[in-house]
N, C-alpha and C. Protein backbone atom coordinates (compact mmCIF):
# COMPACT_ATOMS: atom_id res chain seq x y z
N MET A 1 18.44 -0.07 14.62
CA MET A 1 16.59 0.10 14.79
C MET A 1 16.87 0.06 15.83
N LYS A 2 15.71 0.64 16.98
CA LYS A 2 15.55 0.59 18.40
C LYS A 2 14.48 -0.72 18.04
N ILE A 3 14.60 -1.61 19.36
CA ILE A 3 13.44 -2.49 19.63
C ILE A 3 11.90 -1.87 19.00
N GLY A 4 11.64 -0.85 20.04
CA GLY A 4 10.75 -0.14 20.01
C GLY A 4 9.58 -0.27 18.43
N GLU A 5 10.49 0.49 17.37
CA GLU A 5 10.70 0.77 16.49
C GLU A 5 10.38 -0.11 15.19
N ARG A 6 11.44 -0.94 16.00
CA ARG A 6 11.08 -2.56 14.90
C ARG A 6 9.76 -3.35 15.08
N VAL A 7 9.21 -3.15 16.65
CA VAL A 7 8.33 -4.04 16.62
C VAL A 7 6.99 -3.30 15.69
N TYR A 8 6.93 -2.02 16.07
CA TYR A 8 5.60 -1.14 15.51
C TYR A 8 6.05 -1.63 13.65
N GLN A 9 7.18 -1.27 13.24
CA GLN A 9 7.68 -1.41 11.75
C GLN A 9 6.71 -2.75 11.00
N THR A 10 7.21 -3.82 12.17
CA THR A 10 6.39 -5.38 11.66
C THR A 10 5.45 -5.27 11.73
N LEU A 11 5.26 -5.02 13.31
CA LEU A 11 3.51 -5.01 13.31
C LEU A 11 2.63 -4.32 11.77
N ARG A 12 3.22 -3.03 11.75
CA ARG A 12 2.20 -2.58 10.66
C ARG A 12 2.34 -3.12 9.26
N ARG A 13 4.02 -3.26 9.28
CA ARG A 13 3.67 -4.29 7.62
C ARG A 13 2.49 -5.34 7.85
N GLN A 14 2.74 -6.31 8.53
CA GLN A 14 1.66 -7.16 8.69
C GLN A 14 0.52 -6.90 8.51
N LEU A 15 -0.17 -5.60 9.23
CA LEU A 15 -2.05 -5.00 9.17
C LEU A 15 -1.73 -4.53 7.69
N MET A 16 -0.43 -3.82 6.96
CA MET A 16 -0.78 -3.45 6.09
C MET A 16 -0.86 -4.23 4.42
N VAL A 17 -0.60 -5.86 5.07
CA VAL A 17 -0.65 -6.73 3.84
C VAL A 17 -1.71 -7.87 4.46
N ASN A 18 -2.74 -7.30 5.25
CA ASN A 18 -3.49 -8.02 5.59
C ASN A 18 -3.09 -9.57 6.54
N HIS A 19 -2.42 -9.64 7.21
CA HIS A 19 -1.86 -10.60 7.99
C HIS A 19 -2.44 -11.36 8.82
N TYR A 20 -3.59 -10.26 9.33
CA TYR A 20 -4.48 -10.74 10.76
C TYR A 20 -5.79 -10.36 10.16
N GLU A 21 -7.07 -11.23 10.10
CA GLU A 21 -8.47 -10.96 9.56
C GLU A 21 -8.91 -9.65 10.35
N PRO A 22 -9.96 -9.12 9.71
CA PRO A 22 -10.44 -8.21 10.36
C PRO A 22 -11.21 -8.07 11.70
N GLY A 23 -11.09 -7.88 12.81
CA GLY A 23 -11.79 -8.01 13.34
C GLY A 23 -11.04 -8.73 14.99
N ALA A 24 -9.84 -9.03 14.09
CA ALA A 24 -9.09 -9.97 15.02
C ALA A 24 -8.24 -9.48 16.20
N HIS A 25 -8.66 -10.14 17.78
CA HIS A 25 -8.20 -9.80 18.73
C HIS A 25 -6.13 -10.07 18.82
N LEU A 26 -5.38 -8.78 19.07
CA LEU A 26 -4.23 -9.12 19.39
C LEU A 26 -3.97 -8.86 20.42
N ARG A 27 -3.38 -9.89 21.22
CA ARG A 27 -3.08 -10.21 22.56
C ARG A 27 -1.67 -9.54 22.53
N GLU A 28 -1.26 -8.61 23.68
CA GLU A 28 0.24 -8.21 24.15
C GLU A 28 0.87 -9.48 24.21
N GLU A 29 0.61 -10.30 24.81
CA GLU A 29 2.02 -11.18 25.20
C GLU A 29 1.65 -12.22 24.24
N VAL A 30 1.14 -12.56 23.47
CA VAL A 30 0.72 -13.48 22.67
C VAL A 30 2.06 -13.08 21.16
N VAL A 31 2.00 -11.89 20.44
CA VAL A 31 2.73 -10.76 19.99
C VAL A 31 4.13 -10.70 20.44
N ALA A 32 4.58 -10.81 21.28
CA ALA A 32 5.43 -10.41 22.17
C ALA A 32 5.86 -11.62 22.23
N GLU A 33 5.27 -12.92 22.60
CA GLU A 33 6.12 -14.04 22.33
C GLU A 33 6.79 -14.52 20.96
N GLN A 34 5.48 -13.95 20.07
CA GLN A 34 5.99 -13.94 18.49
C GLN A 34 7.46 -13.61 17.76
N LEU A 35 7.07 -12.29 18.48
CA LEU A 35 8.60 -11.49 17.94
C LEU A 35 9.64 -11.20 19.16
N GLY A 36 9.57 -12.53 19.65
CA GLY A 36 10.58 -12.55 20.72
C GLY A 36 10.97 -11.40 21.75
N VAL A 37 10.04 -10.52 21.77
CA VAL A 37 10.48 -9.10 23.04
C VAL A 37 9.50 -9.04 23.72
N SER A 38 9.51 -7.81 24.82
CA SER A 38 8.66 -7.90 25.93
C SER A 38 7.54 -7.70 25.74
N ARG A 39 6.44 -6.99 26.30
CA ARG A 39 5.29 -6.58 26.05
C ARG A 39 5.19 -5.52 26.02
N THR A 40 6.68 -4.68 26.75
CA THR A 40 6.30 -2.99 26.81
C THR A 40 6.32 -2.34 25.59
N PRO A 41 7.47 -2.89 24.28
CA PRO A 41 7.41 -2.08 23.09
C PRO A 41 6.00 -2.94 22.23
N VAL A 42 5.34 -3.93 22.67
CA VAL A 42 4.27 -4.01 22.08
C VAL A 42 3.26 -3.43 22.08
N ARG A 43 3.18 -2.91 23.11
CA ARG A 43 1.97 -2.34 23.77
C ARG A 43 2.43 -0.89 23.41
N ASN A 44 3.52 -0.28 23.60
CA ASN A 44 3.56 1.03 22.84
C ASN A 44 3.51 1.16 20.96
N ALA A 45 3.63 -0.25 20.49
CA ALA A 45 3.31 -0.14 19.17
C ALA A 45 1.80 -0.31 19.03
N PHE A 46 0.72 -1.06 19.71
CA PHE A 46 -0.53 -1.28 19.65
C PHE A 46 -1.04 0.51 19.65
N GLN A 47 -0.78 1.42 20.42
CA GLN A 47 -0.90 2.42 21.03
C GLN A 47 -0.63 3.14 19.62
N ARG A 48 0.44 3.03 19.25
CA ARG A 48 0.68 4.20 17.59
C ARG A 48 -0.09 3.76 16.47
N LEU A 49 -0.45 2.00 16.37
CA LEU A 49 -1.29 1.86 15.53
C LEU A 49 -2.73 2.38 15.67
N ILE A 50 -3.08 2.08 16.78
CA ILE A 50 -4.42 2.91 17.19
C ILE A 50 -4.51 4.13 16.98
N SER A 51 -3.60 5.09 16.89
CA SER A 51 -3.79 6.22 16.67
C SER A 51 -3.86 6.13 14.82
N GLU A 52 -3.03 5.90 14.49
CA GLU A 52 -3.53 5.47 13.15
C GLU A 52 -4.37 5.35 12.36
N GLY A 53 -5.42 4.46 13.32
CA GLY A 53 -6.80 3.86 12.69
C GLY A 53 -6.50 1.93 12.01
N LEU A 54 -5.33 2.10 12.64
CA LEU A 54 -5.25 0.17 11.62
C LEU A 54 -5.39 -0.69 12.80
N LEU A 55 -5.32 -0.05 14.25
CA LEU A 55 -6.10 -0.88 15.29
C LEU A 55 -6.78 -0.10 16.01
N SER A 56 -8.19 -0.60 16.78
CA SER A 56 -8.69 -0.07 17.32
C SER A 56 -9.01 -0.83 18.54
N HIS A 57 -9.53 -0.10 19.93
CA HIS A 57 -9.21 -0.42 21.80
C HIS A 57 -10.76 -0.58 21.66
N GLU A 58 -11.02 -1.29 22.21
CA GLU A 58 -12.42 -2.10 23.25
C GLU A 58 -12.21 -2.41 24.44
N LYS A 59 -12.57 -1.84 25.15
CA LYS A 59 -12.20 -2.18 26.91
C LYS A 59 -12.05 -3.36 27.46
N THR A 60 -12.41 -4.24 27.22
CA THR A 60 -12.93 -5.34 27.41
C THR A 60 -11.71 -6.57 26.77
N ARG A 61 -11.17 -6.21 24.84
CA ARG A 61 -10.84 -6.85 24.14
C ARG A 61 -9.49 -6.34 23.95
N GLY A 62 -9.18 -5.04 24.36
CA GLY A 62 -7.87 -4.79 23.80
C GLY A 62 -7.41 -4.26 22.55
N ALA A 63 -6.59 -4.88 21.88
CA ALA A 63 -6.41 -4.16 20.57
C ALA A 63 -7.27 -5.01 19.72
N ILE A 64 -7.82 -4.21 18.53
CA ILE A 64 -8.46 -5.12 16.97
C ILE A 64 -8.29 -4.50 16.37
N VAL A 65 -8.28 -5.96 15.09
CA VAL A 65 -7.85 -4.88 13.93
C VAL A 65 -8.96 -4.61 13.28
N THR A 66 -8.37 -2.99 12.26
CA THR A 66 -9.59 -2.32 12.04
C THR A 66 -10.61 -3.57 11.33
N GLY A 67 -11.56 -3.45 11.01
CA GLY A 67 -12.66 -3.80 9.60
C GLY A 67 -12.96 -2.31 8.68
N TRP A 68 -13.29 -2.93 7.69
CA TRP A 68 -13.68 -1.27 6.89
C TRP A 68 -15.20 -2.21 6.58
N ARG A 69 -15.90 -0.30 6.05
CA ARG A 69 -17.12 -1.45 5.44
C ARG A 69 -17.04 -1.19 3.82
N LYS A 70 -17.64 -1.69 2.88
CA LYS A 70 -17.29 -1.81 1.52
C LYS A 70 -17.60 -0.66 0.96
N SER A 71 -18.45 0.22 1.25
CA SER A 71 -18.72 1.72 0.55
C SER A 71 -17.42 2.54 1.20
N ASP A 72 -16.97 2.78 2.57
CA ASP A 72 -15.95 2.73 2.88
C ASP A 72 -14.61 2.85 2.21
N THR A 73 -14.23 1.12 1.37
CA THR A 73 -13.04 1.22 0.67
C THR A 73 -13.05 1.86 -0.74
N GLU A 74 -14.94 1.78 -0.97
CA GLU A 74 -15.17 2.16 -2.37
C GLU A 74 -14.43 3.48 -2.51
N ASP A 75 -14.94 4.40 -1.49
CA ASP A 75 -14.79 5.45 -1.62
C ASP A 75 -12.96 5.86 -1.28
N ILE A 76 -12.64 5.33 -1.03
CA ILE A 76 -11.05 5.23 -0.67
C ILE A 76 -10.56 5.37 -2.18
N PHE A 77 -11.01 4.13 -2.89
CA PHE A 77 -10.53 3.99 -3.93
C PHE A 77 -10.77 4.90 -5.06
N LYS A 78 -12.01 5.57 -5.24
CA LYS A 78 -12.09 6.39 -6.02
C LYS A 78 -11.46 7.83 -6.09
N LEU A 79 -10.99 8.08 -4.20
CA LEU A 79 -10.27 9.24 -3.94
C LEU A 79 -8.87 8.54 -4.88
N ARG A 80 -8.43 7.76 -4.40
CA ARG A 80 -7.46 7.63 -5.41
C ARG A 80 -7.09 7.70 -6.63
N ILE A 81 -8.43 7.64 -7.34
CA ILE A 81 -8.36 7.38 -8.79
C ILE A 81 -8.10 9.28 -9.14
N LEU A 82 -8.71 10.27 -8.21
CA LEU A 82 -8.63 11.24 -9.00
C LEU A 82 -7.42 11.75 -8.04
N LEU A 83 -7.01 11.45 -7.50
CA LEU A 83 -5.22 12.07 -6.38
C LEU A 83 -4.28 11.42 -7.54
N GLU A 84 -4.29 10.16 -7.75
CA GLU A 84 -2.91 9.62 -8.62
C GLU A 84 -3.44 9.75 -10.04
N GLY A 85 -4.17 9.92 -10.87
CA GLY A 85 -4.65 10.32 -11.52
C GLY A 85 -3.60 11.90 -12.40
N HIS A 86 -3.97 12.89 -11.54
CA HIS A 86 -3.53 14.10 -11.62
C HIS A 86 -2.07 13.95 -10.91
N ALA A 87 -1.63 13.24 -10.12
CA ALA A 87 -0.11 13.03 -9.47
C ALA A 87 0.54 12.62 -10.96
N ALA A 88 -0.31 11.57 -11.60
CA ALA A 88 0.48 11.08 -12.74
C ALA A 88 0.94 12.00 -14.24
N ALA A 89 -0.82 12.81 -14.26
CA ALA A 89 -0.10 13.93 -14.95
C ALA A 89 1.05 14.67 -15.21
N LEU A 90 1.17 15.37 -13.81
CA LEU A 90 1.70 16.10 -13.42
C LEU A 90 3.24 15.34 -13.65
N ALA A 91 3.35 14.26 -12.79
CA ALA A 91 5.00 13.48 -12.97
C ALA A 91 5.59 13.28 -14.62
N ALA A 92 4.39 13.31 -15.51
CA ALA A 92 4.77 13.43 -17.02
C ALA A 92 5.28 14.51 -17.28
N HIS A 93 4.82 16.04 -17.00
CA HIS A 93 5.60 17.15 -17.32
C HIS A 93 6.93 17.36 -16.31
N GLN A 94 7.18 16.65 -15.18
CA GLN A 94 7.91 17.24 -14.98
C GLN A 94 9.27 15.83 -13.71
N ILE A 95 9.04 14.81 -14.42
CA ILE A 95 9.58 13.79 -13.32
C ILE A 95 11.03 13.90 -13.55
N THR A 96 11.93 14.08 -13.00
CA THR A 96 13.04 13.65 -12.95
C THR A 96 13.95 12.58 -13.27
N SER A 97 15.24 12.65 -14.31
CA SER A 97 15.60 11.03 -14.52
C SER A 97 15.90 10.17 -12.92
N GLU A 98 15.91 10.43 -12.00
CA GLU A 98 16.32 10.04 -11.08
C GLU A 98 14.96 9.60 -10.28
N GLN A 99 13.93 10.26 -10.24
CA GLN A 99 12.44 9.90 -10.09
C GLN A 99 12.14 8.82 -10.78
N PHE A 100 12.54 8.97 -12.09
CA PHE A 100 12.16 7.69 -13.22
C PHE A 100 12.86 6.45 -13.18
N ALA A 101 14.17 6.40 -12.62
CA ALA A 101 14.69 5.54 -12.03
C ALA A 101 14.37 4.65 -11.31
N ASP A 102 14.05 5.42 -10.30
CA ASP A 102 13.56 4.89 -8.69
C ASP A 102 11.76 4.07 -9.46
N VAL A 103 10.77 5.05 -10.01
CA VAL A 103 9.88 4.01 -10.28
C VAL A 103 9.74 2.97 -11.43
N VAL A 104 10.86 2.69 -12.14
CA VAL A 104 11.09 1.52 -12.84
C VAL A 104 11.63 0.45 -12.01
N ALA A 105 12.50 0.91 -11.18
CA ALA A 105 13.27 0.05 -10.57
C ALA A 105 11.95 -0.50 -9.17
N ALA A 106 10.91 0.22 -8.75
CA ALA A 106 9.86 -0.31 -7.76
C ALA A 106 9.19 -1.71 -8.80
N ASN A 107 8.90 -1.27 -9.92
CA ASN A 107 8.18 -2.07 -10.93
C ASN A 107 8.99 -2.96 -10.84
N ASP A 108 10.06 -3.06 -10.96
CA ASP A 108 11.12 -4.23 -11.12
C ASP A 108 11.28 -5.11 -10.15
N GLN A 109 11.74 -4.69 -8.89
CA GLN A 109 11.18 -5.27 -7.66
C GLN A 109 9.92 -6.00 -7.82
N MET A 110 8.96 -5.42 -7.82
CA MET A 110 7.36 -5.91 -8.16
C MET A 110 7.78 -7.13 -8.96
N ARG A 111 8.02 -7.20 -10.12
CA ARG A 111 8.12 -8.47 -11.13
C ARG A 111 8.55 -9.39 -10.45
N GLU A 112 9.98 -9.03 -10.12
CA GLU A 112 10.88 -10.32 -9.19
C GLU A 112 10.12 -11.12 -7.99
N ALA A 113 9.50 -10.03 -7.34
CA ALA A 113 8.67 -10.90 -6.15
C ALA A 113 7.30 -11.94 -6.20
N ILE A 114 6.73 -11.21 -7.51
CA ILE A 114 5.41 -12.10 -8.20
C ILE A 114 6.26 -13.48 -8.63
N ALA A 115 7.24 -13.34 -9.03
CA ALA A 115 7.89 -14.33 -9.80
C ALA A 115 8.68 -15.41 -8.67
N GLY A 116 8.72 -14.84 -7.31
CA GLY A 116 9.71 -15.56 -6.61
C GLY A 116 8.71 -16.52 -5.65
N ASN A 117 9.15 -17.18 -4.87
CA ASN A 117 8.57 -18.15 -3.63
C ASN A 117 8.97 -18.01 -2.38
N ARG A 118 9.52 -16.71 -1.71
CA ARG A 118 10.11 -16.41 -0.68
C ARG A 118 8.27 -16.48 0.57
N SER A 119 9.04 -16.25 1.97
CA SER A 119 8.01 -16.98 2.57
C SER A 119 6.92 -15.20 2.91
N ASP A 120 7.92 -14.47 2.58
CA ASP A 120 7.16 -12.90 2.51
C ASP A 120 6.69 -12.33 1.39
N ARG A 121 6.50 -13.45 0.69
CA ARG A 121 6.16 -12.79 -1.27
C ARG A 121 5.12 -11.90 -1.03
N ILE A 122 4.23 -12.20 -0.69
CA ILE A 122 2.62 -10.96 -0.67
C ILE A 122 3.56 -9.79 0.11
N GLU A 123 3.62 -9.78 1.22
CA GLU A 123 4.59 -8.43 1.73
C GLU A 123 5.57 -7.86 0.87
N ARG A 124 6.48 -8.51 0.17
CA ARG A 124 7.84 -7.65 -0.73
C ARG A 124 6.71 -7.53 -1.83
N ILE A 125 6.26 -8.15 -2.61
CA ILE A 125 4.50 -7.34 -3.58
C ILE A 125 3.84 -5.98 -3.29
N ALA A 126 3.84 -6.20 -2.58
CA ALA A 126 2.62 -4.97 -1.86
C ALA A 126 3.82 -3.74 -1.67
N ARG A 127 4.91 -4.06 -0.82
CA ARG A 127 5.82 -3.04 -0.76
C ARG A 127 6.61 -2.43 -1.49
N ALA A 128 6.73 -3.33 -3.24
CA ALA A 128 7.28 -2.73 -4.03
C ALA A 128 6.16 -2.18 -4.96
N ASN A 129 5.13 -2.12 -4.86
CA ASN A 129 4.02 -1.68 -5.01
C ASN A 129 3.73 -0.30 -4.60
N GLN A 130 3.79 -0.52 -3.39
CA GLN A 130 3.68 1.01 -2.49
C GLN A 130 4.99 1.79 -2.93
N SER A 131 6.02 1.59 -3.32
CA SER A 131 7.17 2.54 -3.70
C SER A 131 6.90 2.93 -4.93
N PHE A 132 6.33 2.18 -6.18
CA PHE A 132 6.15 2.75 -7.47
C PHE A 132 4.92 3.77 -7.29
N HIS A 133 3.71 3.62 -6.18
CA HIS A 133 2.80 4.58 -6.42
C HIS A 133 3.17 5.93 -5.76
N GLU A 134 4.13 5.68 -4.61
CA GLU A 134 4.61 6.95 -3.97
C GLU A 134 5.60 7.54 -4.71
N GLY A 135 6.35 7.21 -5.58
CA GLY A 135 7.72 7.90 -6.43
C GLY A 135 6.68 8.61 -7.33
N LEU A 136 5.33 7.84 -7.97
CA LEU A 136 5.01 8.90 -8.94
C LEU A 136 4.29 10.00 -7.68
N LEU A 137 3.52 9.41 -6.81
CA LEU A 137 3.36 11.11 -6.12
C LEU A 137 4.55 11.54 -5.75
N ASP A 138 5.85 11.40 -5.52
CA ASP A 138 7.00 12.54 -5.27
C ASP A 138 7.15 13.04 -6.46
N ALA A 139 7.28 12.66 -7.63
CA ALA A 139 7.14 13.20 -8.72
C ALA A 139 6.56 14.33 -9.44
N SER A 140 5.05 14.06 -8.82
CA SER A 140 4.07 15.08 -8.64
C SER A 140 4.73 17.06 -8.55
N GLY A 141 5.55 16.49 -7.32
CA GLY A 141 6.13 18.09 -6.63
C GLY A 141 5.00 19.02 -5.77
N GLN A 142 3.83 18.33 -5.52
CA GLN A 142 2.81 18.89 -4.87
C GLN A 142 2.72 17.66 -3.13
N GLY A 143 3.41 19.19 -2.64
CA GLY A 143 3.46 18.52 -1.02
C GLY A 143 2.10 17.58 -0.63
N TYR A 144 0.92 18.83 -0.39
CA TYR A 144 -0.42 18.00 0.14
C TYR A 144 -1.29 17.17 -1.16
N LEU A 145 -0.77 17.15 -2.37
CA LEU A 145 -1.25 16.02 -3.02
C LEU A 145 -0.69 14.94 -2.23
N ARG A 146 0.37 14.81 -1.87
CA ARG A 146 1.32 13.73 -2.16
C ARG A 146 1.31 13.47 -0.57
N MET A 147 0.68 14.19 0.04
CA MET A 147 0.64 13.75 1.50
C MET A 147 -0.71 13.16 1.89
N PHE A 148 -1.94 13.60 1.10
CA PHE A 148 -3.36 12.84 1.40
C PHE A 148 -3.38 11.89 0.52
N ALA A 149 -2.63 11.54 -0.54
CA ALA A 149 -2.71 10.39 -1.25
C ALA A 149 -1.67 8.85 -0.81
N ARG A 150 -0.74 9.36 -0.13
CA ARG A 150 -0.15 8.41 0.69
C ARG A 150 -0.26 7.97 1.87
N THR A 151 -1.51 8.67 2.38
CA THR A 151 -2.37 8.37 3.76
C THR A 151 -3.57 7.16 3.04
N LEU A 152 -4.45 7.52 1.82
CA LEU A 152 -5.12 6.74 1.20
C LEU A 152 -4.57 5.03 0.64
N LEU A 153 -3.09 5.51 0.58
CA LEU A 153 -2.27 4.06 -0.16
C LEU A 153 -1.67 3.49 1.21
N HIS A 154 -1.69 3.78 2.00
CA HIS A 154 -0.88 3.43 3.17
C HIS A 154 -2.38 2.51 4.10
N LEU A 155 -3.16 2.68 3.16
CA LEU A 155 -4.22 2.11 4.07
C LEU A 155 -4.69 0.41 4.08
N PRO A 156 -4.35 -0.37 4.99
CA PRO A 156 -4.51 -1.97 4.32
C PRO A 156 -5.04 -2.51 3.44
N MET A 157 -6.75 -1.65 3.46
CA MET A 157 -7.44 -2.39 2.63
C MET A 157 -7.17 -2.21 1.11
N VAL A 158 -6.42 -1.17 0.79
CA VAL A 158 -6.48 -0.77 -0.69
C VAL A 158 -4.79 -1.45 -0.78
N SER A 159 -4.23 -2.17 -0.13
CA SER A 159 -2.83 -2.26 -0.37
C SER A 159 -2.25 -3.18 -0.20
N GLY A 160 -3.55 -4.36 0.14
CA GLY A 160 -2.74 -5.74 -0.09
C GLY A 160 -3.19 -6.66 -0.99
N PHE A 161 -2.09 -7.52 -1.07
CA PHE A 161 -2.29 -8.32 -2.87
C PHE A 161 -2.64 -9.48 -2.37
N PHE A 162 -3.84 -10.01 -1.30
CA PHE A 162 -4.39 -11.14 -0.66
C PHE A 162 -5.22 -11.88 -1.97
N ILE A 163 -6.03 -10.42 -2.52
CA ILE A 163 -7.33 -10.88 -3.72
C ILE A 163 -6.76 -11.15 -4.49
N TYR A 164 -5.49 -11.10 -4.86
CA TYR A 164 -5.05 -11.29 -6.88
C TYR A 164 -4.68 -12.66 -6.85
N SER A 165 -4.55 -13.33 -8.32
CA SER A 165 -4.29 -14.20 -8.85
C SER A 165 -3.17 -13.76 -9.47
N ARG A 166 -2.17 -14.81 -9.33
CA ARG A 166 -0.82 -14.69 -10.43
C ARG A 166 -0.75 -14.20 -11.55
N GLU A 167 -2.39 -13.96 -12.47
CA GLU A 167 -2.41 -13.42 -13.48
C GLU A 167 -2.73 -11.93 -12.91
N GLU A 168 -3.30 -11.62 -12.21
CA GLU A 168 -3.49 -10.56 -12.21
C GLU A 168 -2.55 -9.46 -11.48
N MET A 169 -1.91 -10.00 -10.95
CA MET A 169 -0.39 -9.41 -10.52
C MET A 169 0.36 -9.65 -11.65
N ASP A 170 0.88 -10.38 -11.98
CA ASP A 170 1.04 -9.76 -13.96
C ASP A 170 0.54 -9.01 -14.29
N GLU A 171 -0.70 -8.44 -14.40
CA GLU A 171 -1.42 -7.49 -15.37
C GLU A 171 -1.12 -5.92 -14.10
N SER A 172 -0.97 -6.14 -13.03
CA SER A 172 -0.83 -4.92 -12.52
C SER A 172 0.41 -4.37 -12.64
N VAL A 173 1.84 -5.31 -13.44
CA VAL A 173 2.83 -4.98 -13.32
C VAL A 173 2.96 -4.30 -15.11
N ARG A 174 2.14 -5.48 -15.84
CA ARG A 174 2.11 -4.57 -17.31
C ARG A 174 1.32 -3.04 -16.97
N GLN A 175 0.54 -2.79 -16.33
CA GLN A 175 -0.11 -1.79 -16.36
C GLN A 175 0.84 -0.51 -16.00
N HIS A 176 1.81 -0.84 -15.09
CA HIS A 176 2.49 0.01 -14.55
C HIS A 176 3.65 0.20 -15.40
N GLN A 177 4.00 -1.23 -16.31
CA GLN A 177 4.50 -0.13 -17.62
C GLN A 177 4.11 0.38 -18.62
N GLU A 178 3.08 0.42 -18.62
CA GLU A 178 2.45 1.23 -19.94
C GLU A 178 2.36 2.62 -19.09
N ILE A 179 2.15 3.09 -17.54
CA ILE A 179 2.26 4.37 -16.87
C ILE A 179 3.73 4.78 -17.31
N ILE A 180 4.90 4.15 -16.88
CA ILE A 180 5.94 4.18 -17.17
C ILE A 180 6.13 4.15 -18.69
N ALA A 181 5.39 3.97 -19.19
CA ALA A 181 5.97 4.32 -20.98
C ALA A 181 5.40 6.06 -20.87
N ALA A 182 4.04 6.40 -20.27
CA ALA A 182 3.87 7.48 -20.49
C ALA A 182 4.20 8.93 -19.91
N LEU A 183 5.21 8.45 -18.84
CA LEU A 183 6.14 9.23 -18.31
C LEU A 183 7.36 9.56 -19.14
N GLN A 184 7.84 8.15 -19.73
CA GLN A 184 9.05 8.53 -20.43
C GLN A 184 8.74 9.36 -21.83
N ALA A 185 7.30 9.26 -22.33
CA ALA A 185 6.96 9.94 -23.74
C ALA A 185 6.55 11.76 -23.34
N GLY A 186 6.97 11.52 -21.79
CA GLY A 186 5.99 13.00 -21.39
C GLY A 186 4.80 13.56 -21.75
N ASN A 187 3.98 12.34 -21.98
CA ASN A 187 2.44 12.47 -22.02
C ASN A 187 1.15 12.78 -20.83
N GLU A 188 0.88 13.73 -20.71
CA GLU A 188 0.01 13.92 -19.41
C GLU A 188 -1.10 13.19 -19.24
N GLU A 189 -1.89 13.31 -20.24
CA GLU A 189 -2.95 12.48 -21.03
C GLU A 189 -2.66 11.31 -20.54
N TRP A 190 -2.09 10.60 -21.58
CA TRP A 190 -1.56 9.02 -21.28
C TRP A 190 -1.67 8.49 -19.71
N ALA A 191 -0.14 9.51 -19.21
CA ALA A 191 -0.18 8.95 -17.98
C ALA A 191 -1.49 8.86 -17.29
N LYS A 192 -1.94 10.01 -17.25
CA LYS A 192 -3.76 10.17 -16.61
C LYS A 192 -4.83 9.13 -16.50
N ALA A 193 -4.47 8.49 -18.02
CA ALA A 193 -5.71 7.60 -18.59
C ALA A 193 -5.16 6.45 -18.36
N ALA A 194 -3.60 5.98 -18.18
CA ALA A 194 -3.31 4.92 -17.53
C ALA A 194 -3.41 4.76 -16.34
N MET A 195 -2.81 5.37 -15.30
CA MET A 195 -3.02 5.05 -13.85
C MET A 195 -4.61 5.62 -13.52
N THR A 196 -5.81 6.24 -14.26
CA THR A 196 -7.19 5.59 -13.97
C THR A 196 -7.28 4.38 -14.45
N SER A 197 -7.19 3.88 -15.53
CA SER A 197 -7.63 2.87 -15.82
C SER A 197 -6.87 1.27 -14.83
N HIS A 198 -5.49 1.29 -14.52
CA HIS A 198 -4.75 1.15 -13.79
C HIS A 198 -5.65 1.02 -11.94
N LEU A 199 -6.06 2.09 -11.68
CA LEU A 199 -6.72 1.80 -10.46
C LEU A 199 -8.08 1.42 -10.21
N ASN A 200 -8.92 1.69 -11.30
CA ASN A 200 -10.13 1.64 -11.89
C ASN A 200 -10.20 -0.44 -11.55
N GLY A 201 -9.05 -0.81 -12.25
CA GLY A 201 -9.38 -2.11 -12.22
C GLY A 201 -9.30 -2.84 -10.89
N ALA A 202 -8.35 -2.28 -9.86
CA ALA A 202 -8.18 -2.56 -9.01
C ALA A 202 -9.45 -2.25 -8.12
N LEU A 203 -10.59 -1.35 -8.18
CA LEU A 203 -11.41 -0.96 -7.49
C LEU A 203 -12.28 -2.21 -8.33
N GLU A 204 -12.60 -2.63 -9.43
CA GLU A 204 -13.06 -4.26 -9.81
C GLU A 204 -12.44 -5.15 -9.23
N ARG A 205 -11.72 -5.28 -9.44
CA ARG A 205 -10.89 -6.62 -8.82
C ARG A 205 -11.56 -6.43 -7.13
N PHE A 206 -11.70 -5.38 -6.54
CA PHE A 206 -11.81 -5.19 -4.94
C PHE A 206 -13.48 -6.14 -4.79
N ARG A 207 -14.51 -4.87 -6.03
CA ARG A 207 -15.61 -5.66 -5.83
C ARG A 207 -16.18 -7.08 -5.93
N ARG A 208 -15.01 -7.56 -7.06
CA ARG A 208 -15.20 -9.36 -7.09
C ARG A 208 -15.22 -9.84 -6.05
N SER A 209 -14.29 -9.31 -5.29
CA SER A 209 -13.78 -10.16 -3.92
C SER A 209 -14.84 -10.46 -3.05
N ARG A 210 -15.84 -9.23 -3.11
CA ARG A 210 -16.60 -9.47 -1.67
C ARG A 210 -17.51 -9.88 -1.91
C-alpha cells in the first residue's frame, strides 16, 4: 500500500472509532510526526476526509473533526433501521452459502475482539461489526440499497463502540447471532424484526449516552 493511501486509511479508521473528539483541531505537522511521514500525504488525506464530511476546514484553524447534532444522529439511526431491516429480509430469502459464512465469521471476529485486550480492541470490534452489517447488505442483492446504507454505516457517530459497556458489546454479538439464525432459517420476517430490534437498541444506547 502506498504511503498516501496508508495515511488516509489510518486517519479514516481513527475518525470512524472516535479516536478524536468532535471539534478537535488536527495539525498536519503533529499527525505527520505521529505517523512517521511527511506532511504531504497527511495534507492529501485531510482533503479526502474533508470531501467525505469526516473533517471540515476552517480558514484560521485548518482541519477540524466534524461534530454532529443529536437530531442528525437520530435521523441516521432511523434510516439505518429502515434500510438494514429491509436488507436483512431480502438476505434471508437469497443469501448464498459464501455470504452466510462471511457474516458468521464477522460476528465470530467481533466476539474474539471483545474478549481480547489489545490496544486496538475498540477499532477491531468496530471493524468486525461493520463487516457483519456490510455482509448483510451485500447479501440483499440490491445495489442502491447497499450503497445508501453503507454510507450511513460508515459515519463515525453510528459506528463507534466507545459508549458500549462490555455487557452491551456481548449483547450486540448475541443479537447478531439471532439475525444469523433468522438467515439460516430463511425467515424474512424474523430477520427484519431481529435487525430492527438490534438497531433500535443501538439508538436507545446513543440516547442514553447524551
